[in-house]
Amino acid sequence: MRTTLALDDDIFAYARECAARERISIGKAISKLARDGIRLQSATVCRQMPVTSKYALLPRRDEVVTSEHVRDLMDQEGI
C-alpha cells in the first residue's frame, strides 16, 4: 500500500538507519518497526486484561510447552 506520512525527524532517522543496516527499503523498515511495536503492546494488554475464566491468555514465550511440562505441573499441583 502506498501512502504519505508525516514523521518526526528522529523517527525517520532511526527508520533510515534500520533500513540501511538490514538492506531493506525505509517503508519496509517502518512496517517492521510498527509490527514490533504492535506485538509489544499486544503482549502488555494481554497481561493487563482481567481473567474472566479459568483459562487466562498469557503473553507469547520463547519456549514450547510440551507434554512433559504439563505432567510436571500436574505432579506439582497434585492432579
PDB file of N, CA and C in Angstrom:
ATOM      1  N   MET A   1       0.849  -1.169   0.000  1.00  0.00           N
ATOM      2  CA  MET A   1       0.000   0.000   0.000  1.00  0.00           C
ATOM      3  C   MET A   1       0.895   1.232   0.000  1.00  0.00           C
ATOM      4  N   ARG A   2       0.532   2.172  -0.760  1.00  0.00           N
ATOM      5  CA  ARG A   2       1.320   3.388  -0.864  1.00  0.00           C
ATOM      6  C   ARG A   2       0.567   4.514  -0.155  1.00  0.00           C
ATOM      7  N   THR A   3       1.274   5.269   0.696  1.00  0.00           N
ATOM      8  CA  THR A   3       0.653   6.368   1.428  1.00  0.00           C
ATOM      9  C   THR A   3       1.709   7.407   1.766  1.00  0.00           C
ATOM     10  N   THR A   4       1.277   8.545   2.250  1.00  0.00           N
ATOM     11  CA  THR A   4       2.181   9.614   2.673  1.00  0.00           C
ATOM     12  C   THR A   4       2.048   9.791   4.174  1.00  0.00           C
ATOM     13  N   LEU A   5       3.172   9.848   4.852  1.00  0.00           N
ATOM     14  CA  LEU A   5       3.178  10.024   6.304  1.00  0.00           C
ATOM     15  C   LEU A   5       4.022  11.230   6.681  1.00  0.00           C
ATOM     16  N   ALA A   6       3.662  11.873   7.762  1.00  0.00           N
ATOM     17  CA  ALA A   6       4.495  12.929   8.341  1.00  0.00           C
ATOM     18  C   ALA A   6       5.157  12.332   9.573  1.00  0.00           C
ATOM     19  N   LEU A   7       6.483  12.132   9.507  1.00  0.00           N
ATOM     20  CA  LEU A   7       7.231  11.525  10.603  1.00  0.00           C
ATOM     21  C   LEU A   7       8.119  12.557  11.275  1.00  0.00           C
ATOM     22  N   ASP A   8       8.298  12.404  12.565  1.00  0.00           N
ATOM     23  CA  ASP A   8       9.270  13.238  13.260  1.00  0.00           C
ATOM     24  C   ASP A   8      10.665  12.895  12.748  1.00  0.00           C
ATOM     25  N   ASP A   9      11.557  13.877  12.792  1.00  0.00           N
ATOM     26  CA  ASP A   9      12.908  13.691  12.249  1.00  0.00           C
ATOM     27  C   ASP A   9      13.645  12.522  12.893  1.00  0.00           C
ATOM     28  N   ASP A  10      13.519  12.378  14.220  1.00  0.00           N
ATOM     29  CA  ASP A  10      14.245  11.298  14.895  1.00  0.00           C
ATOM     30  C   ASP A  10      13.712   9.920  14.497  1.00  0.00           C
ATOM     31  N   ILE A  11      12.415   9.812  14.273  1.00  0.00           N
ATOM     32  CA  ILE A  11      11.821   8.541  13.850  1.00  0.00           C
ATOM     33  C   ILE A  11      12.282   8.199  12.438  1.00  0.00           C
ATOM     34  N   PHE A  12      12.282   9.193  11.558  1.00  0.00           N
ATOM     35  CA  PHE A  12      12.733   8.955  10.187  1.00  0.00           C
ATOM     36  C   PHE A  12      14.203   8.545  10.161  1.00  0.00           C
ATOM     37  N   ALA A  13      15.025   9.205  10.966  1.00  0.00           N
ATOM     38  CA  ALA A  13      16.455   8.872  11.013  1.00  0.00           C
ATOM     39  C   ALA A  13      16.656   7.441  11.511  1.00  0.00           C
ATOM     40  N   TYR A  14      15.908   7.057  12.536  1.00  0.00           N
ATOM     41  CA  TYR A  14      16.030   5.697  13.067  1.00  0.00           C
ATOM     42  C   TYR A  14      15.592   4.669  12.025  1.00  0.00           C
ATOM     43  N   ALA A  15      14.481   4.937  11.351  1.00  0.00           N
ATOM     44  CA  ALA A  15      13.993   4.016  10.319  1.00  0.00           C
ATOM     45  C   ALA A  15      14.999   3.919   9.178  1.00  0.00           C
ATOM     46  N   ARG A  16      15.600   5.036   8.803  1.00  0.00           N
ATOM     47  CA  ARG A  16      16.598   5.028   7.727  1.00  0.00           C
ATOM     48  C   ARG A  16      17.815   4.197   8.134  1.00  0.00           C
ATOM     49  N   GLU A  17      18.251   4.335   9.399  1.00  0.00           N
ATOM     50  CA  GLU A  17      19.378   3.531   9.896  1.00  0.00           C
ATOM     51  C   GLU A  17      19.035   2.039   9.886  1.00  0.00           C
ATOM     52  N   CYS A  18      17.834   1.691  10.336  1.00  0.00           N
ATOM     53  CA  CYS A  18      17.400   0.288  10.331  1.00  0.00           C
ATOM     54  C   CYS A  18      17.356  -0.256   8.911  1.00  0.00           C
ATOM     55  N   ALA A  19      16.822   0.545   7.989  1.00  0.00           N
ATOM     56  CA  ALA A  19      16.725   0.117   6.596  1.00  0.00           C
ATOM     57  C   ALA A  19      18.106  -0.128   6.003  1.00  0.00           C
ATOM     58  N   ALA A  20      19.042   0.758   6.290  1.00  0.00           N
ATOM     59  CA  ALA A  20      20.395   0.603   5.760  1.00  0.00           C
ATOM     60  C   ALA A  20      21.073  -0.624   6.363  1.00  0.00           C
ATOM     61  N   ARG A  21      20.895  -0.818   7.656  1.00  0.00           N
ATOM     62  CA  ARG A  21      21.520  -1.941   8.349  1.00  0.00           C
ATOM     63  C   ARG A  21      20.991  -3.284   7.823  1.00  0.00           C
ATOM     64  N   GLU A  22      19.674  -3.352   7.567  1.00  0.00           N
ATOM     65  CA  GLU A  22      19.049  -4.597   7.125  1.00  0.00           C
ATOM     66  C   GLU A  22      18.951  -4.696   5.603  1.00  0.00           C
ATOM     67  N   ARG A  23      19.398  -3.633   4.928  1.00  0.00           N
ATOM     68  CA  ARG A  23      19.352  -3.578   3.452  1.00  0.00           C
ATOM     69  C   ARG A  23      17.946  -3.790   2.912  1.00  0.00           C
ATOM     70  N   ILE A  24      17.003  -3.022   3.482  1.00  0.00           N
ATOM     71  CA  ILE A  24      15.621  -3.040   3.024  1.00  0.00           C
ATOM     72  C   ILE A  24      15.187  -1.592   2.796  1.00  0.00           C
ATOM     73  N   SER A  25      14.019  -1.400   2.214  1.00  0.00           N
ATOM     74  CA  SER A  25      13.529  -0.038   1.982  1.00  0.00           C
ATOM     75  C   SER A  25      13.093   0.592   3.310  1.00  0.00           C
ATOM     76  N   ILE A  26      13.009   1.914   3.304  1.00  0.00           N
ATOM     77  CA  ILE A  26      12.555   2.623   4.517  1.00  0.00           C
ATOM     78  C   ILE A  26      11.111   2.223   4.839  1.00  0.00           C
ATOM     79  N   GLY A  27      10.289   2.058   3.811  1.00  0.00           N
ATOM     80  CA  GLY A  27       8.904   1.633   4.030  1.00  0.00           C
ATOM     81  C   GLY A  27       8.812   0.289   4.731  1.00  0.00           C
ATOM     82  N   LYS A  28       9.649  -0.664   4.274  1.00  0.00           N
ATOM     83  CA  LYS A  28       9.650  -1.974   4.927  1.00  0.00           C
ATOM     84  C   LYS A  28      10.175  -1.873   6.351  1.00  0.00           C
ATOM     85  N   ALA A  29      11.173  -1.014   6.558  1.00  0.00           N
ATOM     86  CA  ALA A  29      11.714  -0.840   7.910  1.00  0.00           C
ATOM     87  C   ALA A  29      10.656  -0.259   8.842  1.00  0.00           C
ATOM     88  N   ILE A  30       9.915   0.732   8.368  1.00  0.00           N
ATOM     89  CA  ILE A  30       8.861   1.334   9.201  1.00  0.00           C
ATOM     90  C   ILE A  30       7.758   0.315   9.476  1.00  0.00           C
ATOM     91  N   SER A  31       7.401  -0.490   8.485  1.00  0.00           N
ATOM     92  CA  SER A  31       6.391  -1.536   8.701  1.00  0.00           C
ATOM     93  C   SER A  31       6.862  -2.528   9.758  1.00  0.00           C
ATOM     94  N   LYS A  32       8.132  -2.939   9.670  1.00  0.00           N
ATOM     95  CA  LYS A  32       8.677  -3.886  10.647  1.00  0.00           C
ATOM     96  C   LYS A  32       8.679  -3.279  12.048  1.00  0.00           C
ATOM     97  N   LEU A  33       9.102  -2.018  12.159  1.00  0.00           N
ATOM     98  CA  LEU A  33       9.122  -1.356  13.467  1.00  0.00           C
ATOM     99  C   LEU A  33       7.705  -1.215  14.033  1.00  0.00           C
ATOM    100  N   ALA A  34       6.738  -0.916  13.167  1.00  0.00           N
ATOM    101  CA  ALA A  34       5.346  -0.799  13.626  1.00  0.00           C
ATOM    102  C   ALA A  34       4.827  -2.143  14.104  1.00  0.00           C
ATOM    103  N   ARG A  35       5.121  -3.228  13.362  1.00  0.00           N
ATOM    104  CA  ARG A  35       4.691  -4.565  13.791  1.00  0.00           C
ATOM    105  C   ARG A  35       5.291  -4.945  15.136  1.00  0.00           C
ATOM    106  N   ASP A  36       6.589  -4.646  15.297  1.00  0.00           N
ATOM    107  CA  ASP A  36       7.238  -4.939  16.577  1.00  0.00           C
ATOM    108  C   ASP A  36       6.551  -4.189  17.713  1.00  0.00           C
ATOM    109  N   GLY A  37       6.198  -2.923  17.471  1.00  0.00           N
ATOM    110  CA  GLY A  37       5.505  -2.133  18.485  1.00  0.00           C
ATOM    111  C   GLY A  37       4.130  -2.681  18.799  1.00  0.00           C
ATOM    112  N   ILE A  38       3.428  -3.128  17.776  1.00  0.00           N
ATOM    113  CA  ILE A  38       2.090  -3.697  17.971  1.00  0.00           C
ATOM    114  C   ILE A  38       2.179  -4.985  18.784  1.00  0.00           C
ATOM    115  N   ARG A  39       3.164  -5.843  18.460  1.00  0.00           N
ATOM    116  CA  ARG A  39       3.334  -7.090  19.231  1.00  0.00           C
ATOM    117  C   ARG A  39       3.621  -6.795  20.695  1.00  0.00           C
ATOM    118  N   LEU A  40       4.500  -5.828  20.927  1.00  0.00           N
ATOM    119  CA  LEU A  40       4.850  -5.467  22.303  1.00  0.00           C
ATOM    120  C   LEU A  40       3.632  -4.933  23.040  1.00  0.00           C
ATOM    121  N   GLN A  41       2.868  -4.064  22.384  1.00  0.00           N
ATOM    122  CA  GLN A  41       1.676  -3.508  23.024  1.00  0.00           C
ATOM    123  C   GLN A  41       0.638  -4.593  23.261  1.00  0.00           C
ATOM    124  N   SER A  42       0.478  -5.513  22.319  1.00  0.00           N
ATOM    125  CA  SER A  42      -0.487  -6.604  22.488  1.00  0.00           C
ATOM    126  C   SER A  42      -0.122  -7.475  23.682  1.00  0.00           C
ATOM    127  N   ALA A  43       1.167  -7.758  23.838  1.00  0.00           N
ATOM    128  CA  ALA A  43       1.607  -8.570  24.974  1.00  0.00           C
ATOM    129  C   ALA A  43       1.324  -7.842  26.281  1.00  0.00           C
ATOM    130  N   THR A  44       1.519  -6.536  26.304  1.00  0.00           N
ATOM    131  CA  THR A  44       1.254  -5.746  27.511  1.00  0.00           C
ATOM    132  C   THR A  44      -0.234  -5.735  27.822  1.00  0.00           C
ATOM    133  N   VAL A  45      -1.064  -5.572  26.806  1.00  0.00           N
ATOM    134  CA  VAL A  45      -2.517  -5.558  27.002  1.00  0.00           C
ATOM    135  C   VAL A  45      -2.990  -6.902  27.538  1.00  0.00           C
ATOM    136  N   CYS A  46      -2.438  -8.003  27.002  1.00  0.00           N
ATOM    137  CA  CYS A  46      -2.835  -9.340  27.478  1.00  0.00           C
ATOM    138  C   CYS A  46      -2.525  -9.503  28.949  1.00  0.00           C
ATOM    139  N   ARG A  47      -1.393  -8.968  29.404  1.00  0.00           N
ATOM    140  CA  ARG A  47      -1.040  -9.094  30.820  1.00  0.00           C
ATOM    141  C   ARG A  47      -1.958  -8.262  31.695  1.00  0.00           C
ATOM    142  N   GLN A  48      -2.543  -7.194  31.149  1.00  0.00           N
ATOM    143  CA  GLN A  48      -3.379  -6.304  31.950  1.00  0.00           C
ATOM    144  C   GLN A  48      -4.849  -6.695  31.918  1.00  0.00           C
ATOM    145  N   MET A  49      -5.226  -7.609  31.023  1.00  0.00           N
ATOM    146  CA  MET A  49      -6.625  -7.998  30.907  1.00  0.00           C
ATOM    147  C   MET A  49      -7.060  -8.796  32.130  1.00  0.00           C
ATOM    148  N   PRO A  50      -8.234  -8.475  32.667  1.00  0.00           N
ATOM    149  CA  PRO A  50      -8.715  -9.252  33.804  1.00  0.00           C
ATOM    150  C   PRO A  50      -9.049 -10.674  33.373  1.00  0.00           C
ATOM    151  N   VAL A  51      -8.839 -11.606  34.260  1.00  0.00           N
ATOM    152  CA  VAL A  51      -9.151 -13.000  33.973  1.00  0.00           C
ATOM    153  C   VAL A  51     -10.646 -13.183  34.159  1.00  0.00           C
ATOM    154  N   THR A  52     -11.320 -13.612  33.079  1.00  0.00           N
ATOM    155  CA  THR A  52     -12.772 -13.790  33.157  1.00  0.00           C
ATOM    156  C   THR A  52     -13.164 -15.259  33.176  1.00  0.00           C
ATOM    157  N   SER A  53     -12.185 -16.128  33.017  1.00  0.00           N
ATOM    158  CA  SER A  53     -12.461 -17.557  33.113  1.00  0.00           C
ATOM    159  C   SER A  53     -11.239 -18.236  33.699  1.00  0.00           C
ATOM    160  N   LYS A  54     -11.312 -19.542  33.859  1.00  0.00           N
ATOM    161  CA  LYS A  54     -10.169 -20.240  34.423  1.00  0.00           C
ATOM    162  C   LYS A  54      -9.052 -20.415  33.406  1.00  0.00           C
ATOM    163  N   TYR A  55      -9.289 -20.061  32.138  1.00  0.00           N
ATOM    164  CA  TYR A  55      -8.275 -20.150  31.091  1.00  0.00           C
ATOM    165  C   TYR A  55      -7.826 -18.741  30.719  1.00  0.00           C
ATOM    166  N   ALA A  56      -6.723 -18.296  31.273  1.00  0.00           N
ATOM    167  CA  ALA A  56      -6.233 -16.939  31.029  1.00  0.00           C
ATOM    168  C   ALA A  56      -5.302 -16.918  29.827  1.00  0.00           C
ATOM    169  N   LEU A  57      -5.332 -15.810  29.084  1.00  0.00           N
ATOM    170  CA  LEU A  57      -4.389 -15.618  27.994  1.00  0.00           C
ATOM    171  C   LEU A  57      -3.060 -15.167  28.571  1.00  0.00           C
ATOM    172  N   LEU A  58      -2.007 -15.756  28.111  1.00  0.00           N
ATOM    173  CA  LEU A  58      -0.672 -15.398  28.572  1.00  0.00           C
ATOM    174  C   LEU A  58       0.119 -14.826  27.407  1.00  0.00           C
ATOM    175  N   PRO A  59       1.103 -13.979  27.688  1.00  0.00           N
ATOM    176  CA  PRO A  59       1.923 -13.462  26.602  1.00  0.00           C
ATOM    177  C   PRO A  59       2.756 -14.563  25.960  1.00  0.00           C
ATOM    178  N   ARG A  60       3.139 -14.344  24.710  1.00  0.00           N
ATOM    179  CA  ARG A  60       3.954 -15.319  23.982  1.00  0.00           C
ATOM    180  C   ARG A  60       5.299 -15.486  24.666  1.00  0.00           C
ATOM    181  N   ARG A  61       5.777 -16.750  24.716  1.00  0.00           N
ATOM    182  CA  ARG A  61       7.078 -17.042  25.321  1.00  0.00           C
ATOM    183  C   ARG A  61       7.978 -17.687  24.283  1.00  0.00           C
ATOM    184  N   ASP A  62       9.252 -17.710  24.560  1.00  0.00           N
ATOM    185  CA  ASP A  62      10.227 -18.267  23.631  1.00  0.00           C
ATOM    186  C   ASP A  62      10.507 -19.736  23.896  1.00  0.00           C
ATOM    187  N   GLU A  63       9.527 -20.469  24.398  1.00  0.00           N
ATOM    188  CA  GLU A  63       9.708 -21.898  24.607  1.00  0.00           C
ATOM    189  C   GLU A  63       8.427 -22.625  24.228  1.00  0.00           C
ATOM    190  N   VAL A  64       8.575 -23.858  23.863  1.00  0.00           N
ATOM    191  CA  VAL A  64       7.436 -24.691  23.510  1.00  0.00           C
ATOM    192  C   VAL A  64       7.024 -25.478  24.745  1.00  0.00           C
ATOM    193  N   VAL A  65       5.735 -25.459  25.054  1.00  0.00           N
ATOM    194  CA  VAL A  65       5.221 -26.218  26.189  1.00  0.00           C
ATOM    195  C   VAL A  65       4.969 -27.639  25.706  1.00  0.00           C
ATOM    196  N   THR A  66       5.618 -28.567  26.343  1.00  0.00           N
ATOM    197  CA  THR A  66       5.495 -29.972  25.946  1.00  0.00           C
ATOM    198  C   THR A  66       4.606 -30.726  26.924  1.00  0.00           C
ATOM    199  N   SER A  67       4.317 -31.969  26.590  1.00  0.00           N
ATOM    200  CA  SER A  67       3.538 -32.822  27.493  1.00  0.00           C
ATOM    201  C   SER A  67       4.280 -33.023  28.810  1.00  0.00           C
ATOM    202  N   GLU A  68       5.599 -33.072  28.723  1.00  0.00           N
ATOM    203  CA  GLU A  68       6.398 -33.225  29.948  1.00  0.00           C
ATOM    204  C   GLU A  68       6.218 -32.027  30.879  1.00  0.00           C
ATOM    205  N   HIS A  69       6.171 -30.817  30.310  1.00  0.00           N
ATOM    206  CA  HIS A  69       5.894 -29.637  31.127  1.00  0.00           C
ATOM    207  C   HIS A  69       4.553 -29.787  31.849  1.00  0.00           C
ATOM    208  N   VAL A  70       3.546 -30.217  31.094  1.00  0.00           N
ATOM    209  CA  VAL A  70       2.206 -30.357  31.654  1.00  0.00           C
ATOM    210  C   VAL A  70       2.199 -31.412  32.760  1.00  0.00           C
ATOM    211  N   ARG A  71       2.837 -32.548  32.519  1.00  0.00           N
ATOM    212  CA  ARG A  71       2.895 -33.603  33.545  1.00  0.00           C
ATOM    213  C   ARG A  71       3.595 -33.113  34.811  1.00  0.00           C
ATOM    214  N   ASP A  72       4.698 -32.372  34.641  1.00  0.00           N
ATOM    215  CA  ASP A  72       5.401 -31.822  35.807  1.00  0.00           C
ATOM    216  C   ASP A  72       4.515 -30.886  36.608  1.00  0.00           C
ATOM    217  N   LEU A  73       3.782 -30.034  35.920  1.00  0.00           N
ATOM    218  CA  LEU A  73       2.872 -29.118  36.608  1.00  0.00           C
ATOM    219  C   LEU A  73       1.738 -29.880  37.295  1.00  0.00           C
ATOM    220  N   MET A  74       1.223 -30.908  36.649  1.00  0.00           N
ATOM    221  CA  MET A  74       0.179 -31.721  37.259  1.00  0.00           C
ATOM    222  C   MET A  74       0.691 -32.405  38.520  1.00  0.00           C
ATOM    223  N   ASP A  75       1.919 -32.888  38.475  1.00  0.00           N
ATOM    224  CA  ASP A  75       2.521 -33.507  39.662  1.00  0.00           C
ATOM    225  C   ASP A  75       2.662 -32.490  40.790  1.00  0.00           C
ATOM    226  N   GLN A  76       3.100 -31.291  40.432  1.00  0.00           N
ATOM    227  CA  GLN A  76       3.270 -30.231  41.438  1.00  0.00           C
ATOM    228  C   GLN A  76       1.932 -29.856  42.076  1.00  0.00           C
ATOM    229  N   GLU A  77       0.866 -29.852  41.256  1.00  0.00           N
ATOM    230  CA  GLU A  77      -0.455 -29.466  41.753  1.00  0.00           C
ATOM    231  C   GLU A  77      -1.211 -30.633  42.391  1.00  0.00           C
ATOM    232  N   GLY A  78      -0.669 -31.837  42.256  1.00  0.00           N
ATOM    233  CA  GLY A  78      -1.330 -32.996  42.829  1.00  0.00           C
ATOM    234  C   GLY A  78      -2.538 -33.467  42.041  1.00  0.00           C
ATOM    235  N   ILE A  79      -2.500 -33.251  40.767  1.00  0.00           N
ATOM    236  CA  ILE A  79      -3.637 -33.631  39.905  1.00  0.00           C
ATOM    237  C   ILE A  79      -3.375 -34.993  39.327  1.00  0.00           C
TER     238      ILE A  79
END
